[in-house]
Amino acid sequence: MSSNFERKLLEDLKEQSRRQAQIAAELEPCLTVTEKSWKALIGLQQTQIQFLVDIQTVAARLATRGEVEEISRPEGAGTGELLSGNPIVGAEVPAGDGL
């Protein structure tokens, strides 16, 4: 009686082993993320976010074309006449990474 049980158990183990071997033979791409690479990815994302914030801050201080024309227009000059080479009075140069 135990001999019959042992054969059945042995056959089950062999079948289970075959199934596991087939599953293991199937290739699936995988990615390993280490703590070092995870920190680098998060750091890159934080740098990009800070860069975007800086760009938005600078963009908020930019003058529109109409504002530049209005500032550049001398008293009594026509709408289409702009002075070239005159600096914009009161323009700020943002401090930072030289953007």
C-alpha atoms as a PDB file:
ATOM      1  CA  MET A   1       0.000   0.000   0.000  1.00  0.00           C
ATOM      2  CA  SER A   2       2.749   2.444   0.829  1.00  0.00           C
ATOM      3  CA  SER A   3       4.525   1.446  -2.391  1.00  0.00           C
ATOM      4  CA  ASN A   4       1.528   2.608  -4.459  1.00  0.00           C
ATOM      5  CA  PHE A   5       1.378   5.883  -2.529  1.00  0.00           C
ATOM      6  CA  GLU A   6       5.118   6.485  -3.029  1.00  0.00           C
ATOM      7  CA  ARG A   7       4.828   5.921  -6.801  1.00  0.00           C
ATOM      8  CA  LYS A   8       1.976   8.343  -7.072  1.00  0.00           C
ATOM      9  CA  LEU A   9       3.853  10.909  -5.029  1.00  0.00           C
ATOM     10  CA  LEU A  10       6.974  10.366  -7.151  1.00  0.00           C
ATOM     11  CA  GLU A  11       4.967  10.823 -10.378  1.00  0.00           C
ATOM     12  CA  ASP A  12       3.404  14.013  -8.984  1.00  0.00           C
ATOM     13  CA  LEU A  13       6.833  15.353  -8.116  1.00  0.00           C
ATOM     14  CA  LYS A  14       8.142  14.542 -11.597  1.00  0.00           C
ATOM     15  CA  GLU A  15       5.155  16.251 -13.213  1.00  0.00           C
ATOM     16  CA  GLN A  16       5.522  19.270 -10.967  1.00  0.00           C
ATOM     17  CA  SER A  17       9.232  19.384 -11.812  1.00  0.00           C
ATOM     18  CA  ARG A  18       8.445  19.310 -15.573  1.00  0.00           C
ATOM     19  CA  ARG A  19       5.931  22.125 -15.217  1.00  0.00           C
ATOM     20  CA  GLN A  20       8.370  24.240 -13.230  1.00  0.00           C
ATOM     21  CA  ALA A  21      11.110  23.603 -15.796  1.00  0.00           C
ATOM     22  CA  GLN A  22       8.790  24.739 -18.599  1.00  0.00           C
ATOM     23  CA  ILE A  23       7.848  27.884 -16.707  1.00  0.00           C
ATOM     24  CA  ALA A  24      11.507  28.601 -15.938  1.00  0.00           C
ATOM     25  CA  ALA A  25      12.408  28.132 -19.615  1.00  0.00           C
ATOM     26  CA  GLU A  26      10.063  30.936 -20.692  1.00  0.00           C
ATOM     27  CA  LEU A  27      12.017  34.175 -20.934  1.00  0.00           C
ATOM     28  CA  GLU A  28      10.471  37.318 -19.574  1.00  0.00           C
ATOM     29  CA  PRO A  29      12.225  40.677 -19.431  1.00  0.00           C
ATOM     30  CA  CYS A  30      12.778  42.046 -15.971  1.00  0.00           C
ATOM     31  CA  LEU A  31      14.312  45.094 -14.371  1.00  0.00           C
ATOM     32  CA  THR A  32      16.242  45.296 -11.159  1.00  0.00           C
ATOM     33  CA  VAL A  33      16.226  48.658  -9.464  1.00  0.00           C
ATOM     34  CA  THR A  34      18.884  49.072  -6.822  1.00  0.00           C
ATOM     35  CA  GLU A  35      18.770  51.662  -4.074  1.00  0.00           C
ATOM     36  CA  LYS A  36      21.566  53.597  -5.799  1.00  0.00           C
ATOM     37  CA  SER A  37      19.770  53.732  -9.165  1.00  0.00           C
ATOM     38  CA  TRP A  38      16.437  54.494  -7.461  1.00  0.00           C
ATOM     39  CA  LYS A  39      18.001  57.473  -5.666  1.00  0.00           C
ATOM     40  CA  ALA A  40      19.540  58.623  -8.962  1.00  0.00           C
ATOM     41  CA  LEU A  41      16.154  58.434 -10.719  1.00  0.00           C
ATOM     42  CA  ILE A  42      14.440  60.362  -7.925  1.00  0.00           C
ATOM     43  CA  GLY A  43      17.292  62.908  -7.905  1.00  0.00           C
ATOM     44  CA  LEU A  44      16.972  63.403 -11.661  1.00  0.00           C
ATOM     45  CA  GLN A  45      13.242  63.937 -11.334  1.00  0.00           C
ATOM     46  CA  GLN A  46      13.733  66.485  -8.536  1.00  0.00           C
ATOM     47  CA  THR A  47      16.323  68.332 -10.633  1.00  0.00           C
ATOM     48  CA  GLN A  48      13.936  68.446 -13.600  1.00  0.00           C
ATOM     49  CA  ILE A  49      11.131  69.748 -11.372  1.00  0.00           C
ATOM     50  CA  GLN A  50      13.407  72.476  -9.987  1.00  0.00           C
ATOM     51  CA  PHE A  51      14.485  73.382 -13.535  1.00  0.00           C
ATOM     52  CA  LEU A  52      10.826  73.707 -14.568  1.00  0.00           C
ATOM     53  CA  VAL A  53      10.071  75.890 -11.534  1.00  0.00           C
ATOM     54  CA  ASP A  54      13.028  78.133 -12.447  1.00  0.00           C
ATOM     55  CA  ILE A  55      11.800  78.408 -16.046  1.00  0.00           C
ATOM     56  CA  GLN A  56       8.300  79.306 -14.867  1.00  0.00           C
ATOM     57  CA  THR A  57       9.714  81.948 -12.506  1.00  0.00           C
ATOM     58  CA  VAL A  58      11.783  83.527 -15.281  1.00  0.00           C
ATOM     59  CA  ALA A  59       8.892  83.325 -17.745  1.00  0.00           C
ATOM     60  CA  ALA A  60       6.671  85.242 -15.335  1.00  0.00           C
ATOM     61  CA  ARG A  61       9.186  88.135 -15.405  1.00  0.00           C
ATOM     62  CA  LEU A  62       9.494  88.299 -19.204  1.00  0.00           C
ATOM     63  CA  ALA A  63       8.015  91.282 -20.983  1.00  0.00           C
ATOM     64  CA  THR A  64       5.515  90.881 -23.775  1.00  0.00           C
ATOM     65  CA  ARG A  65       6.186  92.312 -27.224  1.00  0.00           C
ATOM     66  CA  GLY A  66       3.709  95.080 -26.537  1.00  0.00           C
ATOM     67  CA  GLU A  67       5.458  96.015 -23.297  1.00  0.00           C
ATOM     68  CA  VAL A  68       8.855  96.114 -25.041  1.00  0.00           C
ATOM     69  CA  GLU A  69       7.449  98.324 -27.816  1.00  0.00           C
ATOM     70  CA  GLU A  70       5.862 100.636 -25.269  1.00  0.00           C
ATOM     71  CA  ILE A  71       9.084 100.975 -23.260  1.00  0.00           C
ATOM     72  CA  SER A  72      11.246 101.396 -26.373  1.00  0.00           C
ATOM     73  CA  ARG A  73       9.019 104.015 -28.022  1.00  0.00           C
ATOM     74  CA  PRO A  74      10.368 107.549 -27.491  1.00  0.00           C
ATOM     75  CA  GLU A  75       8.020 110.426 -26.803  1.00  0.00           C
ATOM     76  CA  GLY A  76       6.262 111.422 -30.008  1.00  0.00           C
ATOM     77  CA  ALA A  77       7.491 108.446 -32.077  1.00  0.00           C
ATOM     78  CA  GLY A  78       5.087 106.466 -34.229  1.00  0.00           C
ATOM     79  CA  THR A  79       3.865 103.014 -33.256  1.00  0.00           C
ATOM     80  CA  GLY A  80       6.120 101.196 -35.708  1.00  0.00           C
ATOM     81  CA  GLU A  81       9.320 103.057 -34.811  1.00  0.00           C
ATOM     82  CA  LEU A  82      11.419 101.261 -32.194  1.00  0.00           C
ATOM     83  CA  LEU A  83      14.799 102.329 -30.929  1.00  0.00           C
ATOM     84  CA  SER A  84      17.283  99.566 -31.441  1.00  0.00           C
ATOM     85  CA  GLY A  85      20.048  99.053 -28.908  1.00  0.00           C
ATOM     86  CA  ASN A  86      18.268 100.758 -26.009  1.00  0.00           C
ATOM     87  CA  PRO A  87      18.255  98.613 -22.889  1.00  0.00           C
ATOM     88  CA  ILE A  88      14.932  97.970 -21.245  1.00  0.00           C
ATOM     89  CA  VAL A  89      14.811 100.128 -18.122  1.00  0.00           C
ATOM     90  CA  GLY A  90      14.154  98.184 -14.932  1.00  0.00           C
ATOM     91  CA  ALA A  91      14.757  94.776 -16.496  1.00  0.00           C
ATOM     92  CA  GLU A  92      15.996  92.225 -14.002  1.00  0.00           C
ATOM     93  CA  VAL A  93      18.561  89.592 -14.772  1.00  0.00           C
ATOM     94  CA  PRO A  94      17.628  86.415 -12.874  1.00  0.00           C
ATOM     95  CA  ALA A  95      20.279  84.964 -10.588  1.00  0.00           C
ATOM     96  CA  GLY A  96      20.891  81.266 -10.923  1.00  0.00           C
ATOM     97  CA  ASP A  97      22.490  78.771 -13.194  1.00  0.00           C
ATOM     98  CA  GLY A  98      22.941  81.182 -16.082  1.00  0.00           C
ATOM     99  CA  LEU A  99      19.648  80.386 -17.781  1.00  0.00           C
END
